[in-house]
Amino acid sequence: AKTIMTDRMSAVIVMEDFARSALQLVCSLGLDLEKARPLLRTRIRPYEINQAMLDIPSESELGPADVSSLRGRFIKKNRFDYALYEHAKKLSAIRLARCARKNPVVAELRDAPVIE
């Protein structure tokens, strides 16, 4: 999967870093940067509605042995996903840095993404 991501994909989108990922996509595909500029922003949205789903029991509620067991199972089940995620983040950063060296506007936008 890492090889496919590296050799066959022209852009890697990391949702937590969408503005920079979109900038990388603009660079990879040779799109008009001025048309893309208004879209290169990060929106910070309130997630209070979803917060209830994110609340997880604490160690004091479950006990240290149960938490340790659950953590171990979670890590084991998701290890490949995390490896691919880390690889995608590195690959995205490398490709964007390569583009930024060629284009000063890309370098400017990469270093200071707009936060809305």
C-alpha atoms as a PDB file:
ATOM      1  CA  ALA A   1       0.000   0.000   0.000  1.00  0.00           C
ATOM      2  CA  LYS A   2       2.882   2.388   0.767  1.00  0.00           C
ATOM      3  CA  THR A   3       4.448   1.679  -2.610  1.00  0.00           C
ATOM      4  CA  ILE A   4       1.188   2.341  -4.414  1.00  0.00           C
ATOM      5  CA  MET A   5       0.771   5.576  -2.469  1.00  0.00           C
ATOM      6  CA  THR A   6       4.311   6.675  -3.282  1.00  0.00           C
ATOM      7  CA  ASP A   7       4.614   5.565  -6.904  1.00  0.00           C
ATOM      8  CA  ARG A   8       1.115   5.708  -8.334  1.00  0.00           C
ATOM      9  CA  MET A   9      -0.687   8.589  -6.616  1.00  0.00           C
ATOM     10  CA  SER A  10      -0.057  12.181  -7.647  1.00  0.00           C
ATOM     11  CA  ALA A  11      -1.334  13.642  -4.364  1.00  0.00           C
ATOM     12  CA  VAL A  12      -2.026  12.473  -0.847  1.00  0.00           C
ATOM     13  CA  ILE A  13      -4.809  14.206   1.078  1.00  0.00           C
ATOM     14  CA  VAL A  14      -4.519  14.335   4.857  1.00  0.00           C
ATOM     15  CA  MET A  15      -7.830  15.605   6.227  1.00  0.00           C
ATOM     16  CA  GLU A  16      -6.368  17.065   9.420  1.00  0.00           C
ATOM     17  CA  ASP A  17      -4.126  19.217   7.249  1.00  0.00           C
ATOM     18  CA  PHE A  18      -6.539  19.833   4.407  1.00  0.00           C
ATOM     19  CA  ALA A  19      -5.326  23.298   3.359  1.00  0.00           C
ATOM     20  CA  ARG A  20      -1.767  22.083   2.827  1.00  0.00           C
ATOM     21  CA  SER A  21      -3.010  18.857   1.258  1.00  0.00           C
ATOM     22  CA  ALA A  22      -5.130  20.836  -1.197  1.00  0.00           C
ATOM     23  CA  LEU A  23      -2.117  23.025  -1.971  1.00  0.00           C
ATOM     24  CA  GLN A  24      -0.122  19.880  -2.702  1.00  0.00           C
ATOM     25  CA  LEU A  25      -2.899  18.726  -5.034  1.00  0.00           C
ATOM     26  CA  VAL A  26      -2.836  22.070  -6.875  1.00  0.00           C
ATOM     27  CA  CYS A  27       0.928  21.689  -7.305  1.00  0.00           C
ATOM     28  CA  SER A  28       0.828  18.040  -8.354  1.00  0.00           C
ATOM     29  CA  LEU A  29      -1.789  18.614 -11.015  1.00  0.00           C
ATOM     30  CA  GLY A  30      -0.451  21.963 -12.216  1.00  0.00           C
ATOM     31  CA  LEU A  31      -3.679  23.791 -11.475  1.00  0.00           C
ATOM     32  CA  ASP A  32      -4.021  27.581 -11.368  1.00  0.00           C
ATOM     33  CA  LEU A  33      -2.873  28.658  -7.912  1.00  0.00           C
ATOM     34  CA  GLU A  34      -4.771  31.948  -8.038  1.00  0.00           C
ATOM     35  CA  LYS A  35      -8.058  30.112  -8.576  1.00  0.00           C
ATOM     36  CA  ALA A  36      -7.253  27.765  -5.709  1.00  0.00           C
ATOM     37  CA  ARG A  37      -6.108  30.472  -3.257  1.00  0.00           C
ATOM     38  CA  PRO A  38      -9.609  31.312  -1.895  1.00  0.00           C
ATOM     39  CA  LEU A  39     -10.160  27.639  -1.127  1.00  0.00           C
ATOM     40  CA  LEU A  40      -6.920  27.195   0.826  1.00  0.00           C
ATOM     41  CA  ARG A  41      -8.167  27.857   4.312  1.00  0.00           C
ATOM     42  CA  THR A  42      -8.820  25.941   7.464  1.00  0.00           C
ATOM     43  CA  ARG A  43     -12.223  26.126   9.099  1.00  0.00           C
ATOM     44  CA  ILE A  44     -12.408  25.476  12.785  1.00  0.00           C
ATOM     45  CA  ARG A  45     -15.890  24.275  13.567  1.00  0.00           C
ATOM     46  CA  PRO A  46     -17.535  23.664  16.927  1.00  0.00           C
ATOM     47  CA  TYR A  47     -18.051  19.999  17.608  1.00  0.00           C
ATOM     48  CA  GLU A  48     -20.068  20.112  20.815  1.00  0.00           C
ATOM     49  CA  ILE A  49     -22.797  17.958  19.265  1.00  0.00           C
ATOM     50  CA  ASN A  50     -20.301  15.197  18.540  1.00  0.00           C
ATOM     51  CA  GLN A  51     -18.438  15.516  21.831  1.00  0.00           C
ATOM     52  CA  ALA A  52     -20.735  13.006  23.549  1.00  0.00           C
ATOM     53  CA  MET A  53     -19.547  10.333  21.118  1.00  0.00           C
ATOM     54  CA  LEU A  54     -15.924  11.173  21.866  1.00  0.00           C
ATOM     55  CA  ASP A  55     -16.206  10.802  25.626  1.00  0.00           C
ATOM     56  CA  ILE A  56     -14.548   7.580  26.611  1.00  0.00           C
ATOM     57  CA  PRO A  57     -14.421   5.968  30.035  1.00  0.00           C
ATOM     58  CA  SER A  58     -11.376   6.798  32.100  1.00  0.00           C
ATOM     59  CA  GLU A  59      -8.990   4.396  33.739  1.00  0.00           C
ATOM     60  CA  SER A  60     -10.607   5.086  37.092  1.00  0.00           C
ATOM     61  CA  GLU A  61     -13.977   3.947  35.715  1.00  0.00           C
ATOM     62  CA  LEU A  62     -12.708   0.764  34.049  1.00  0.00           C
ATOM     63  CA  GLY A  63      -9.610  -0.146  35.981  1.00  0.00           C
ATOM     64  CA  PRO A  64      -6.004  -0.154  34.780  1.00  0.00           C
ATOM     65  CA  ALA A  65      -6.013  -3.784  33.575  1.00  0.00           C
ATOM     66  CA  ASP A  66      -9.075  -3.268  31.364  1.00  0.00           C
ATOM     67  CA  VAL A  67      -7.721  -0.030  29.913  1.00  0.00           C
ATOM     68  CA  SER A  68      -4.385  -1.673  29.160  1.00  0.00           C
ATOM     69  CA  SER A  69      -6.119  -4.607  27.476  1.00  0.00           C
ATOM     70  CA  LEU A  70      -8.352  -2.345  25.381  1.00  0.00           C
ATOM     71  CA  ARG A  71      -5.435  -0.123  24.398  1.00  0.00           C
ATOM     72  CA  GLY A  72      -3.406  -3.145  23.302  1.00  0.00           C
ATOM     73  CA  ARG A  73      -6.246  -4.537  21.187  1.00  0.00           C
ATOM     74  CA  PHE A  74      -6.890  -1.154  19.594  1.00  0.00           C
ATOM     75  CA  ILE A  75      -3.238  -0.666  18.683  1.00  0.00           C
ATOM     76  CA  LYS A  76      -2.983  -4.171  17.252  1.00  0.00           C
ATOM     77  CA  LYS A  77      -6.137  -3.795  15.128  1.00  0.00           C
ATOM     78  CA  ASN A  78      -5.148  -0.380  13.771  1.00  0.00           C
ATOM     79  CA  ARG A  79      -1.376  -0.658  13.346  1.00  0.00           C
ATOM     80  CA  PHE A  80      -1.483  -0.804   9.538  1.00  0.00           C
ATOM     81  CA  ASP A  81      -3.851   2.156   9.339  1.00  0.00           C
ATOM     82  CA  TYR A  82      -1.519   4.224  11.504  1.00  0.00           C
ATOM     83  CA  ALA A  83       1.513   3.183   9.446  1.00  0.00           C
ATOM     84  CA  LEU A  84      -0.215   4.269   6.240  1.00  0.00           C
ATOM     85  CA  TYR A  85      -1.391   7.508   7.859  1.00  0.00           C
ATOM     86  CA  GLU A  86       2.157   8.387   8.974  1.00  0.00           C
ATOM     87  CA  HIS A  87       3.522   7.536   5.534  1.00  0.00           C
ATOM     88  CA  ALA A  88       0.847   9.706   3.882  1.00  0.00           C
ATOM     89  CA  LYS A  89       1.700  12.681   6.104  1.00  0.00           C
ATOM     90  CA  LYS A  90       5.408  12.382   5.297  1.00  0.00           C
ATOM     91  CA  LEU A  91       4.777  11.943   1.596  1.00  0.00           C
ATOM     92  CA  SER A  92       2.431  14.929   1.498  1.00  0.00           C
ATOM     93  CA  ALA A  93       5.009  17.115   3.264  1.00  0.00           C
ATOM     94  CA  ILE A  94       7.809  16.004   0.920  1.00  0.00           C
ATOM     95  CA  ARG A  95       5.770  16.670  -2.213  1.00  0.00           C
ATOM     96  CA  LEU A  96       4.606  20.046  -0.977  1.00  0.00           C
ATOM     97  CA  ALA A  97       8.161  21.064  -0.018  1.00  0.00           C
ATOM     98  CA  ARG A  98       9.376  20.068  -3.493  1.00  0.00           C
ATOM     99  CA  CYS A  99       6.684  22.227  -5.083  1.00  0.00           C
ATOM    100  CA  ALA A 100       7.394  25.130  -2.705  1.00  0.00           C
ATOM    101  CA  ARG A 101      11.062  25.178  -3.756  1.00  0.00           C
ATOM    102  CA  LYS A 102       9.951  25.775  -7.348  1.00  0.00           C
ATOM    103  CA  ASN A 103       7.167  28.253  -6.611  1.00  0.00           C
ATOM    104  CA  PRO A 104       7.566  31.082  -4.042  1.00  0.00           C
ATOM    105  CA  VAL A 105       3.780  31.609  -3.807  1.00  0.00           C
ATOM    106  CA  VAL A 106       3.366  27.995  -2.759  1.00  0.00           C
ATOM    107  CA  ALA A 107       6.088  28.475  -0.144  1.00  0.00           C
ATOM    108  CA  GLU A 108       4.285  31.540   1.210  1.00  0.00           C
ATOM    109  CA  LEU A 109       0.941  29.761   1.427  1.00  0.00           C
ATOM    110  CA  ARG A 110       2.467  26.628   2.901  1.00  0.00           C
ATOM    111  CA  ASP A 111       4.067  28.569   5.728  1.00  0.00           C
ATOM    112  CA  ALA A 112       0.983  30.637   6.557  1.00  0.00           C
ATOM    113  CA  PRO A 113      -2.304  28.881   5.817  1.00  0.00           C
ATOM    114  CA  VAL A 114      -5.375  31.036   6.334  1.00  0.00           C
ATOM    115  CA  ILE A 115      -7.513  30.158   9.357  1.00  0.00           C
ATOM    116  CA  GLU A 116     -11.140  31.138   9.177  1.00  0.00           C
END
